[in-house]
Amino acid sequence: MLFRTNYSAERRWPRQWWNSSVEVFTTSAHVKALGINISLGGMGLFAVANLHVGSPVEIEFESPVSGKRHRLSGIVRHRALYLYGVEFLTKTQFAQTRSSAELKV
């Protein structure tokens, strides 16, 4: 069995550690969650929910710097028990209005 020993630290969007209340909306539920990290392209969060990989969600959260509320559409791309990785579908719109500096805590 081969093991990969060198992992690239390169990401499309740098992540910022973040600890904030997040609301997740699906077609059938509204769940309170905890945001763990955020970038211009997506968010990592903890939610006691059964979200399937590939399912569409909407995430509402308060910007770490401006305090404005944002509601963005996304797709669940990763799941590990109750930890989820969500990719924003409206990243171009979000990226145009928010800079990486604003996401820094």
Protein backbone atom coordinates (compact mmCIF):
# COMPACT_ATOMS: atom_id res chain seq x y z
CA MET A 1 0.00 0.00 0.00
CA LEU A 2 1.33 3.43 -0.91
CA PHE A 3 1.01 6.40 1.40
CA ARG A 4 1.20 9.98 0.31
CA THR A 5 3.82 11.76 2.39
CA ASN A 6 3.87 15.26 0.95
CA TYR A 7 0.69 17.29 0.96
CA SER A 8 0.37 20.61 -0.78
CA ALA A 9 -0.50 23.55 1.44
CA GLU A 10 -1.81 25.40 -1.60
CA ARG A 11 -5.52 26.16 -1.59
CA ARG A 12 -7.63 28.18 -3.96
CA TRP A 13 -8.76 30.33 -1.06
CA PRO A 14 -6.86 30.58 2.23
CA ARG A 15 -8.89 29.48 5.25
CA GLN A 16 -9.36 31.59 8.33
CA TRP A 17 -10.11 29.98 11.69
CA TRP A 18 -13.46 31.19 12.85
CA ASN A 19 -15.87 30.43 15.68
CA SER A 20 -19.37 31.73 15.09
CA SER A 21 -23.02 30.79 15.04
CA VAL A 22 -24.28 29.70 11.62
CA GLU A 23 -27.73 28.74 10.40
CA VAL A 24 -28.07 26.01 7.77
CA PHE A 25 -31.22 25.79 5.65
CA THR A 26 -32.14 22.74 3.57
CA THR A 27 -35.32 21.93 1.70
CA SER A 28 -36.64 20.11 4.77
CA ALA A 29 -34.91 21.62 7.82
CA HIS A 30 -33.42 24.64 9.55
CA VAL A 31 -30.41 23.76 11.71
CA LYS A 32 -28.23 25.83 14.02
CA ALA A 33 -24.53 25.11 13.51
CA LEU A 34 -21.08 26.30 14.52
CA GLY A 35 -18.76 27.78 11.89
CA ILE A 36 -15.19 26.52 12.31
CA ASN A 37 -13.35 28.04 9.36
CA ILE A 38 -14.22 30.21 6.40
CA SER A 39 -12.76 31.27 3.07
CA LEU A 40 -14.01 33.03 -0.02
CA GLY A 41 -14.87 29.64 -1.51
CA GLY A 42 -16.58 27.88 1.36
CA MET A 43 -16.92 27.07 5.02
CA GLY A 44 -16.22 24.29 7.47
CA LEU A 45 -18.90 23.81 10.10
CA PHE A 46 -20.17 21.55 12.86
CA ALA A 47 -23.88 20.67 12.76
CA VAL A 48 -25.86 17.93 14.46
CA ALA A 49 -27.69 17.08 11.26
CA ASN A 50 -27.82 14.47 8.52
CA LEU A 51 -26.61 16.42 5.49
CA HIS A 52 -25.62 14.25 2.55
CA VAL A 53 -22.60 14.96 0.37
CA GLY A 54 -23.83 16.72 -2.76
CA SER A 55 -26.95 18.17 -1.15
CA PRO A 56 -27.73 21.86 -1.68
CA VAL A 57 -27.85 24.10 1.41
CA GLU A 58 -28.12 27.77 2.24
CA ILE A 59 -25.91 29.14 4.99
CA GLU A 60 -26.63 32.32 6.91
CA PHE A 61 -23.88 33.89 9.00
CA GLU A 62 -22.55 37.19 10.25
CA SER A 63 -19.39 38.51 8.61
CA PRO A 64 -16.45 38.34 11.05
CA VAL A 65 -15.45 41.95 10.37
CA SER A 66 -18.38 44.00 9.08
CA GLY A 67 -21.09 42.36 11.18
CA LYS A 68 -23.38 42.13 8.13
CA ARG A 69 -25.51 39.00 7.72
CA HIS A 70 -24.93 36.96 4.57
CA ARG A 71 -27.04 34.12 3.18
CA LEU A 72 -25.19 32.08 0.58
CA SER A 73 -26.07 28.98 -1.38
CA GLY A 74 -23.70 26.05 -1.28
CA ILE A 75 -23.17 22.35 -1.77
CA VAL A 76 -22.02 19.90 0.90
CA ARG A 77 -18.69 18.62 -0.44
CA HIS A 78 -17.32 16.75 2.60
CA ARG A 79 -18.74 15.03 5.66
CA ALA A 80 -17.04 13.42 8.66
CA LEU A 81 -19.71 12.53 11.23
CA TYR A 82 -21.01 16.02 12.18
CA LEU A 83 -18.25 18.06 10.52
CA TYR A 84 -19.15 19.39 7.08
CA GLY A 85 -17.31 21.18 4.30
CA VAL A 86 -19.55 23.42 2.21
CA GLU A 87 -18.52 25.02 -1.07
CA PHE A 88 -20.22 28.34 -1.81
CA LEU A 89 -21.97 28.43 -5.16
CA THR A 90 -22.07 32.22 -5.19
CA LYS A 91 -18.37 32.60 -4.47
CA THR A 92 -17.85 35.05 -7.30
CA GLN A 93 -20.54 37.35 -5.93
CA PHE A 94 -19.22 36.94 -2.38
CA ALA A 95 -15.63 37.45 -3.52
CA GLN A 96 -16.54 40.66 -5.35
CA THR A 97 -18.12 42.19 -2.26
CA ARG A 98 -15.74 40.78 0.37
CA SER A 99 -11.98 40.67 0.42
CA SER A 100 -9.74 38.16 2.12
CA ALA A 101 -8.78 40.87 4.61
CA GLU A 102 -12.38 41.18 5.76
CA LEU A 103 -12.54 37.48 6.55
CA LYS A 104 -9.57 37.71 8.92
CA VAL A 105 -10.62 37.57 12.54
